[in-house]
Amino acid sequence: MWAQRLAKRTQRMRPSAIREILKLTDAGSILSLAGGLPASDLFPIDDVAAATQRALATNGARALQYGPSNGLVELREWAAGKRKGAKAEQVVITSGSQQGLDLIAKVLLDPGDRVAISAPSYMGALRAFDPYEPEYLPVDMDEEGILPDALEAVLAQGVKFLYVVPDFDNPSGRRATLARREAILEVCDRHDTLIVEDAPYRELRFDDVIYPPLFELAPDRVVHLGTLSKTLAPGLRMAWLLLPEALVDIVEQAKQAMDLHTSTFGQAVSYELVKDGALETRFPALRAHYRTQRDLLVDQLRDNLGDVLTFDVPPGGMFLWATLPDGMDGTALLRDAVEEGVAFVPGESFYPREGKPNTIRLSFSLLDEAGFREASARLARAVAKHQRAA
């Protein structure tokens, strides 16, 4: 009965593989290398409490009242100030980057439109785009990101936009070099292609190498997404779109229809937490923490699975992309892994169609040294069991 009442677009909706896997870990007996949740012990709980009091004292009823659809002006000015050449008028505050992805798809995509994506690509973006019925055109990558020649071939087919995560891509952990960014922009300029640049992990770098975001290199061609989820707290659901001026009005109208505006109270508290450079003071500790986490996981994988897994050490972010021997299937391996008490995300989940079955994504955001040691040992046992059964 109810299936007949659903809109056709719901046929394109799929559950997030990560969310489904996380359900398995709720019991606590499974060690998770699956979800990319920030480390909760880094959340500034006392600072949030103090910022809440300041927000109420400073804003009074304004923090509890309806607000402008594009967001509080002081937060928009702060977000614009993070990117060279940006203006507050180009910023729309969103309820998490996921809403920003949905808004972009809503205003740009008709059924059958083509979207260029990296292969592999962020699963959450695919789930946000899916209901608008695009055709995905995957673009191959190497260790420096999207391959310009492969992008050239894809864009020649005509696309509405390219979706890319240049800094510590989820799931691959790769970072595009400056030369690669310039090459991507050159190809997109030649084909007059809009770029949607997602930058949730940009500040989580583990070295001193800093490349400019694509927005700063081509502001008229790039939609830039920023967020506080990885650097402050995801529960705030505070993010922003930085848009070419021609897209601002229509995105704001779509935002009005969706939820009127992002929580004014949440915006006021967030602004108190980030103003006057307060956010940037958190970055050294965050980078040191996740760099240590990465090194712990890498060491344990080399000790326990060095003859099975191959991977590059990511220069930032929260994820490590690993390749299993030819013929092994990450999705099938997950069943054995769960039986052994460890979870990861199969690589196929990050492709719109057939991907590379012998790949897996491992998160290093949550466990401690003992946890990584045990999780790697359990994963090694699962791989051995899987190989015996093959």
Protein backbone atom coordinates (compact mmCIF):
# COMPACT_ATOMS: atom_id res chain seq x y z
CA MET A 1 0.00 0.00 0.00
CA TRP A 2 2.56 2.58 1.08
CA ALA A 3 5.09 1.63 -1.58
CA GLN A 4 2.62 2.73 -4.25
CA ARG A 5 2.32 6.16 -2.64
CA LEU A 6 6.02 6.95 -2.63
CA ALA A 7 7.56 9.35 -5.13
CA LYS A 8 9.64 7.75 -7.87
CA ARG A 9 12.72 9.58 -6.61
CA THR A 10 12.70 7.43 -3.48
CA GLN A 11 13.74 4.48 -5.64
CA ARG A 12 17.14 6.16 -5.88
CA MET A 13 17.50 6.55 -2.12
CA ARG A 14 19.79 4.08 -0.37
CA PRO A 15 20.92 3.78 3.23
CA SER A 16 24.46 4.85 4.01
CA ALA A 17 26.66 1.77 4.25
CA ILE A 18 28.57 3.47 7.06
CA ARG A 19 25.41 4.12 9.08
CA GLU A 20 24.35 0.50 8.65
CA ILE A 21 27.76 -0.74 9.74
CA LEU A 22 27.72 1.58 12.75
CA LYS A 23 24.56 -0.14 13.94
CA LEU A 24 26.64 -3.30 14.33
CA THR A 25 29.08 -1.55 16.65
CA ASP A 26 26.48 -0.22 19.10
CA ALA A 27 26.75 -3.31 21.27
CA GLY A 28 30.34 -2.36 22.10
CA SER A 29 31.89 -5.76 21.36
CA ILE A 30 32.96 -4.74 17.85
CA LEU A 31 35.97 -2.47 17.38
CA SER A 32 35.13 0.02 14.67
CA LEU A 33 37.49 1.18 11.95
CA ALA A 34 34.42 2.18 9.97
CA GLY A 35 32.87 5.53 10.86
CA GLY A 36 34.75 8.80 10.56
CA LEU A 37 33.43 10.28 13.79
CA PRO A 38 35.64 12.96 15.36
CA ALA A 39 37.25 12.06 18.66
CA SER A 40 34.66 13.05 21.26
CA ASP A 41 37.25 13.63 23.97
CA LEU A 42 38.46 16.60 21.90
CA PHE A 43 35.09 18.35 22.00
CA PRO A 44 35.37 21.68 23.88
CA ILE A 45 32.50 21.02 26.27
CA ASP A 46 33.38 23.75 28.76
CA ASP A 47 33.96 26.23 25.95
CA VAL A 48 30.56 25.42 24.46
CA ALA A 49 28.91 25.99 27.83
CA ALA A 50 30.61 29.36 28.21
CA ALA A 51 29.85 30.32 24.60
CA THR A 52 26.19 29.50 25.16
CA GLN A 53 26.05 31.94 28.05
CA ARG A 54 27.84 34.62 26.03
CA ALA A 55 25.54 34.09 23.06
CA LEU A 56 22.47 34.61 25.22
CA ALA A 57 23.98 37.58 27.00
CA THR A 58 25.10 39.20 23.75
CA ASN A 59 22.15 38.37 21.50
CA GLY A 60 19.25 37.96 23.93
CA ALA A 61 16.03 37.21 22.11
CA ARG A 62 17.79 37.45 18.72
CA ALA A 63 19.42 34.08 19.34
CA LEU A 64 16.01 32.48 19.90
CA GLN A 65 14.10 34.25 17.12
CA TYR A 66 13.71 33.45 13.42
CA GLY A 67 16.69 34.68 11.45
CA PRO A 68 17.79 35.43 7.88
CA SER A 69 17.81 32.48 5.52
CA ASN A 70 21.43 32.99 4.54
CA GLY A 71 22.58 33.12 8.16
CA LEU A 72 23.66 35.59 10.82
CA VAL A 73 25.76 38.32 9.28
CA GLU A 74 28.62 38.00 11.76
CA LEU A 75 28.99 34.26 11.09
CA ARG A 76 28.84 34.84 7.33
CA GLU A 77 31.52 37.51 7.60
CA TRP A 78 33.68 35.11 9.60
CA ALA A 79 33.24 32.32 7.03
CA ALA A 80 34.02 34.67 4.13
CA GLY A 81 37.13 35.85 5.94
CA LYS A 82 38.56 32.33 5.82
CA ARG A 83 38.86 32.42 2.03
CA LYS A 84 40.82 34.99 0.06
CA GLY A 85 38.58 37.16 -2.11
CA ALA A 86 35.29 35.97 -0.60
CA LYS A 87 32.50 38.25 0.55
CA ALA A 88 29.84 37.68 3.21
CA GLU A 89 27.17 38.13 0.52
CA GLN A 90 28.42 34.90 -1.08
CA VAL A 91 27.92 32.81 2.07
CA VAL A 92 24.86 30.74 2.96
CA ILE A 93 24.99 29.06 6.37
CA THR A 94 23.72 25.46 6.23
CA SER A 95 22.75 22.75 8.70
CA GLY A 96 25.85 20.67 8.06
CA SER A 97 27.64 20.21 4.75
CA GLN A 98 25.17 17.47 3.89
CA GLN A 99 22.45 20.10 3.56
CA GLY A 100 24.77 22.15 1.39
CA LEU A 101 25.25 19.21 -0.96
CA ASP A 102 21.50 18.69 -1.11
CA LEU A 103 20.90 22.37 -1.89
CA ILE A 104 23.42 22.36 -4.73
CA ALA A 105 21.86 19.25 -6.23
CA LYS A 106 18.36 20.68 -5.84
CA VAL A 107 19.10 23.88 -7.75
CA LEU A 108 21.37 22.38 -10.43
CA LEU A 109 20.24 18.86 -11.30
CA ASP A 110 17.45 17.59 -13.50
CA PRO A 111 16.87 13.85 -13.93
CA GLY A 112 19.50 12.41 -16.23
CA ASP A 113 22.01 15.24 -15.79
CA ARG A 114 25.60 14.08 -15.57
CA VAL A 115 27.81 14.67 -12.55
CA ALA A 116 31.55 14.06 -12.62
CA ILE A 117 32.92 12.53 -9.42
CA SER A 118 36.24 11.13 -8.29
CA ALA A 119 36.56 7.35 -8.23
CA PRO A 120 36.27 6.55 -5.35
CA SER A 121 34.07 9.38 -4.04
CA TYR A 122 32.51 10.53 -0.78
CA MET A 123 29.51 8.30 -0.08
CA GLY A 124 27.52 11.08 1.59
CA ALA A 125 27.67 13.22 -1.54
CA LEU A 126 26.34 10.36 -3.66
CA ARG A 127 23.47 9.84 -1.22
CA ALA A 128 22.69 13.59 -1.31
CA PHE A 129 22.68 13.69 -5.10
CA ASP A 130 20.85 10.39 -5.68
CA PRO A 131 17.23 11.63 -5.25
CA TYR A 132 17.75 14.16 -8.06
CA GLU A 133 18.45 11.28 -10.46
CA PRO A 134 21.82 12.18 -11.95
CA GLU A 135 24.05 9.97 -14.04
CA TYR A 136 27.47 9.66 -12.43
CA LEU A 137 30.64 9.79 -14.49
CA PRO A 138 33.54 8.56 -12.32
CA VAL A 139 37.01 10.04 -12.89
CA ASP A 140 40.07 7.92 -12.10
CA MET A 141 42.59 9.10 -9.50
CA ASP A 142 46.23 8.60 -8.62
CA GLU A 143 48.07 9.54 -5.44
CA GLU A 144 47.76 13.24 -6.35
CA GLY A 145 44.00 13.21 -6.95
CA ILE A 146 41.86 13.32 -10.06
CA LEU A 147 43.75 12.58 -13.28
CA PRO A 148 43.48 15.52 -15.72
CA ASP A 149 43.39 13.30 -18.84
CA ALA A 150 40.61 11.19 -17.34
CA LEU A 151 38.75 14.36 -16.36
CA GLU A 152 39.12 15.68 -19.90
CA ALA A 153 37.46 12.57 -21.32
CA VAL A 154 34.59 12.76 -18.83
CA LEU A 155 33.89 16.47 -19.22
CA ALA A 156 33.82 16.06 -22.99
CA GLN A 157 30.56 14.15 -22.45
CA GLY A 158 28.96 17.20 -20.85
CA VAL A 159 28.34 17.46 -17.08
CA LYS A 160 26.47 19.84 -14.77
CA PHE A 161 29.33 19.96 -12.30
CA LEU A 162 32.40 18.20 -10.93
CA TYR A 163 32.32 17.15 -7.27
CA VAL A 164 35.76 16.91 -5.65
CA VAL A 165 37.47 16.83 -2.23
CA PRO A 166 40.99 18.15 -2.96
CA ASP A 167 42.26 17.98 0.63
CA PHE A 168 42.48 14.52 2.23
CA ASP A 169 39.72 13.03 0.18
CA ASN A 170 37.17 10.78 1.83
CA PRO A 171 37.70 7.85 1.39
CA SER A 172 41.14 7.84 -0.17
CA GLY A 173 42.96 10.34 2.08
CA ARG A 174 44.64 11.83 -0.99
CA ARG A 175 45.57 15.48 -1.40
CA ALA A 176 45.79 17.21 -4.76
CA THR A 177 49.06 19.05 -5.37
CA LEU A 178 49.06 22.65 -6.57
CA ALA A 179 49.99 21.52 -10.07
CA ARG A 180 47.11 19.03 -10.05
CA ARG A 181 44.66 21.68 -8.83
CA GLU A 182 45.74 24.02 -11.59
CA ALA A 183 45.40 21.23 -14.15
CA ILE A 184 41.88 20.39 -12.92
CA LEU A 185 40.88 24.05 -13.17
CA GLU A 186 42.36 24.30 -16.66
CA VAL A 187 40.32 21.33 -17.86
CA CYS A 188 37.15 22.65 -16.21
CA ASP A 189 37.71 26.09 -17.70
CA ARG A 190 38.09 24.58 -21.15
CA HIS A 191 34.75 22.80 -20.78
CA ASP A 192 33.06 25.61 -18.82
CA THR A 193 32.36 23.24 -15.93
CA LEU A 194 31.27 24.27 -12.43
CA ILE A 195 33.22 22.70 -9.54
CA VAL A 196 31.73 21.75 -6.18
CA GLU A 197 34.67 21.70 -3.74
CA ASP A 198 34.05 19.97 -0.42
CA ALA A 199 36.63 20.83 2.28
CA PRO A 200 35.68 19.19 5.60
CA TYR A 201 39.18 17.86 6.35
CA ARG A 202 41.27 20.74 5.02
CA GLU A 203 42.56 21.85 8.42
CA LEU A 204 43.51 18.30 9.49
CA ARG A 205 46.87 18.23 7.74
CA PHE A 206 49.84 16.42 9.25
CA ASP A 207 52.62 18.40 7.58
CA ASP A 208 53.42 22.01 6.71
CA VAL A 209 52.27 21.75 3.10
CA ILE A 210 49.37 24.09 2.31
CA TYR A 211 47.78 24.40 -1.10
CA PRO A 212 45.12 27.02 -1.89
CA PRO A 213 41.53 25.82 -2.13
CA LEU A 214 40.11 25.70 -5.62
CA PHE A 215 37.79 28.57 -4.72
CA GLU A 216 40.71 30.94 -4.26
CA LEU A 217 42.15 29.91 -7.63
CA ALA A 218 38.87 30.25 -9.55
CA PRO A 219 36.14 31.93 -7.44
CA ASP A 220 33.72 32.31 -10.36
CA ARG A 221 33.82 28.59 -11.13
CA VAL A 222 33.80 27.00 -7.67
CA VAL A 223 31.17 26.31 -5.02
CA HIS A 224 33.07 25.80 -1.76
CA LEU A 225 31.72 23.90 1.24
CA GLY A 226 33.14 24.47 4.72
CA THR A 227 32.11 22.99 8.07
CA LEU A 228 32.79 23.02 11.80
CA SER A 229 32.00 19.32 12.15
CA LYS A 230 35.59 18.05 12.06
CA THR A 231 37.29 20.96 13.82
CA LEU A 232 34.75 21.81 16.53
CA ALA A 233 31.80 19.43 16.94
CA PRO A 234 29.47 17.72 14.44
CA GLY A 235 26.51 18.02 16.80
CA LEU A 236 26.41 21.75 16.12
CA ARG A 237 25.48 20.96 12.48
CA MET A 238 27.14 24.21 11.41
CA ALA A 239 28.50 24.60 7.90
CA TRP A 240 28.43 27.00 4.98
CA LEU A 241 28.34 27.33 1.22
CA LEU A 242 30.59 29.87 -0.45
CA LEU A 243 28.95 30.52 -3.80
CA PRO A 244 29.63 32.30 -7.08
CA GLU A 245 27.43 35.40 -6.96
CA ALA A 246 25.15 34.12 -9.75
CA LEU A 247 24.03 31.19 -7.54
CA VAL A 248 23.45 33.01 -4.25
CA ASP A 249 19.81 34.03 -4.70
CA ILE A 250 18.52 30.70 -5.99
CA VAL A 251 20.34 28.72 -3.28
CA GLU A 252 18.93 31.05 -0.63
CA GLN A 253 15.43 30.50 -2.01
CA ALA A 254 15.95 26.74 -1.88
CA LYS A 255 17.17 27.08 1.69
CA GLN A 256 14.03 29.06 2.61
CA ALA A 257 11.83 26.28 1.26
CA MET A 258 13.84 23.61 3.06
CA ASP A 259 14.03 24.89 6.64
CA LEU A 260 13.70 28.72 6.57
CA HIS A 261 17.16 29.03 8.13
CA THR A 262 19.77 27.18 10.16
CA SER A 263 19.28 27.46 13.93
CA THR A 264 19.91 31.06 14.99
CA PHE A 265 20.80 29.83 18.47
CA GLY A 266 23.32 27.37 17.07
CA GLN A 267 24.80 30.08 14.86
CA ALA A 268 25.13 32.50 17.76
CA VAL A 269 26.88 29.89 19.91
CA SER A 270 29.11 28.83 17.01
CA TYR A 271 30.16 32.40 16.35
CA GLU A 272 31.18 32.81 19.98
CA LEU A 273 33.32 29.68 19.58
CA VAL A 274 35.13 30.80 16.43
CA LYS A 275 35.43 34.59 16.62
CA ASP A 276 38.73 36.35 17.23
CA GLY A 277 40.75 33.35 16.03
CA ALA A 278 39.46 31.01 18.73
CA LEU A 279 38.92 28.14 16.28
CA GLU A 280 42.43 28.33 14.87
CA THR A 281 43.92 27.84 18.34
CA ARG A 282 42.46 24.31 18.30
CA PHE A 283 44.18 23.25 15.09
CA PRO A 284 47.65 22.31 16.42
CA ALA A 285 46.18 19.92 19.00
CA LEU A 286 43.76 18.43 16.48
CA ARG A 287 46.50 17.85 13.94
CA ALA A 288 48.83 16.32 16.50
CA HIS A 289 46.08 14.02 17.78
CA TYR A 290 45.00 12.68 14.41
CA ARG A 291 48.60 12.39 13.18
CA THR A 292 49.32 10.17 16.19
CA GLN A 293 46.15 8.20 15.50
CA ARG A 294 47.20 7.65 11.89
CA ASP A 295 50.66 6.48 12.91
CA LEU A 296 49.25 4.04 15.46
CA LEU A 297 46.98 2.44 12.86
CA VAL A 298 49.70 2.34 10.21
CA ASP A 299 52.12 0.64 12.60
CA GLN A 300 49.60 -2.02 13.59
CA LEU A 301 48.54 -2.69 10.00
CA ARG A 302 52.16 -3.16 8.99
CA ASP A 303 52.77 -5.51 11.90
CA ASN A 304 49.64 -7.61 11.43
CA LEU A 305 48.75 -7.28 7.74
CA GLY A 306 51.90 -6.08 6.02
CA ASP A 307 51.87 -9.00 3.60
CA VAL A 308 48.18 -8.55 2.74
CA LEU A 309 47.25 -4.87 2.67
CA THR A 310 48.86 -2.20 0.51
CA PHE A 311 48.22 1.46 1.17
CA ASP A 312 49.66 4.96 1.02
CA VAL A 313 50.05 6.82 4.30
CA PRO A 314 47.57 9.72 4.12
CA PRO A 315 49.00 13.22 4.75
CA GLY A 316 45.88 14.33 6.63
CA GLY A 317 42.23 13.69 7.36
CA MET A 318 40.77 10.67 9.14
CA PHE A 319 40.95 7.80 6.65
CA LEU A 320 43.27 5.23 5.17
CA TRP A 321 42.43 3.55 1.85
CA ALA A 322 43.79 0.01 1.56
CA THR A 323 43.92 -2.55 -1.22
CA LEU A 324 43.54 -6.29 -0.65
CA PRO A 325 45.10 -8.93 -2.91
CA ASP A 326 43.45 -9.46 -6.30
CA GLY A 327 40.46 -11.72 -6.03
CA MET A 328 39.53 -10.73 -2.48
CA ASP A 329 36.21 -8.99 -1.91
CA GLY A 330 35.93 -6.33 0.79
CA THR A 331 32.19 -6.75 1.18
CA ALA A 332 32.52 -10.51 1.71
CA LEU A 333 35.48 -9.96 4.03
CA LEU A 334 33.37 -7.64 6.21
CA ARG A 335 31.15 -10.57 7.21
CA ASP A 336 34.18 -12.48 8.50
CA ALA A 337 35.51 -9.32 10.13
CA VAL A 338 32.29 -8.70 12.07
CA GLU A 339 32.41 -12.29 13.30
CA GLU A 340 35.93 -11.56 14.57
CA GLY A 341 34.74 -8.33 16.21
CA VAL A 342 36.05 -5.60 13.92
CA ALA A 343 34.34 -3.40 11.32
CA PHE A 344 35.47 -1.34 8.31
CA VAL A 345 33.79 0.03 5.19
CA PRO A 346 34.07 -1.95 1.93
CA GLY A 347 35.52 0.13 -0.89
CA GLU A 348 32.66 -0.62 -3.25
CA SER A 349 30.44 1.63 -1.10
CA PHE A 350 32.28 4.66 -2.48
CA TYR A 351 31.40 4.05 -6.11
CA PRO A 352 28.02 4.72 -7.76
CA ARG A 353 28.19 1.44 -9.66
CA GLU A 354 30.77 -1.31 -9.75
CA GLY A 355 33.89 -0.25 -7.93
CA LYS A 356 37.05 -2.00 -6.90
CA PRO A 357 35.90 -4.92 -4.73
CA ASN A 358 39.35 -5.51 -3.23
CA THR A 359 39.49 -2.13 -1.47
CA ILE A 360 38.50 -1.08 2.06
CA ARG A 361 38.38 2.19 4.01
CA LEU A 362 39.77 2.28 7.54
CA SER A 363 39.19 5.18 9.94
CA PHE A 364 41.81 6.14 12.51
CA SER A 365 39.72 8.72 14.35
CA LEU A 366 38.48 6.85 17.41
CA LEU A 367 40.48 3.93 18.82
CA ASP A 368 43.49 4.14 21.13
CA GLU A 369 46.77 2.24 20.77
CA ALA A 370 45.42 -0.91 22.41
CA GLY A 371 42.29 -0.67 20.29
CA PHE A 372 44.25 -0.39 17.05
CA ARG A 373 46.43 -3.33 18.07
CA GLU A 374 43.44 -5.54 18.79
CA ALA A 375 41.43 -4.32 15.77
CA SER A 376 44.35 -5.06 13.43
CA ALA A 377 44.80 -8.52 14.95
CA ARG A 378 41.11 -9.26 14.51
CA LEU A 379 41.23 -8.01 10.93
CA ALA A 380 44.23 -10.26 10.25
CA ARG A 381 42.28 -13.25 11.58
CA ALA A 382 39.32 -12.33 9.38
CA VAL A 383 41.54 -12.10 6.32
CA ALA A 384 43.09 -15.49 7.09
CA LYS A 385 39.64 -17.04 7.54
CA HIS A 386 38.46 -15.45 4.29
CA GLN A 387 41.48 -16.75 2.39
CA ARG A 388 41.01 -20.29 3.73
CA ALA A 389 37.37 -20.28 2.62
CA ALA A 390 38.16 -18.97 -0.87
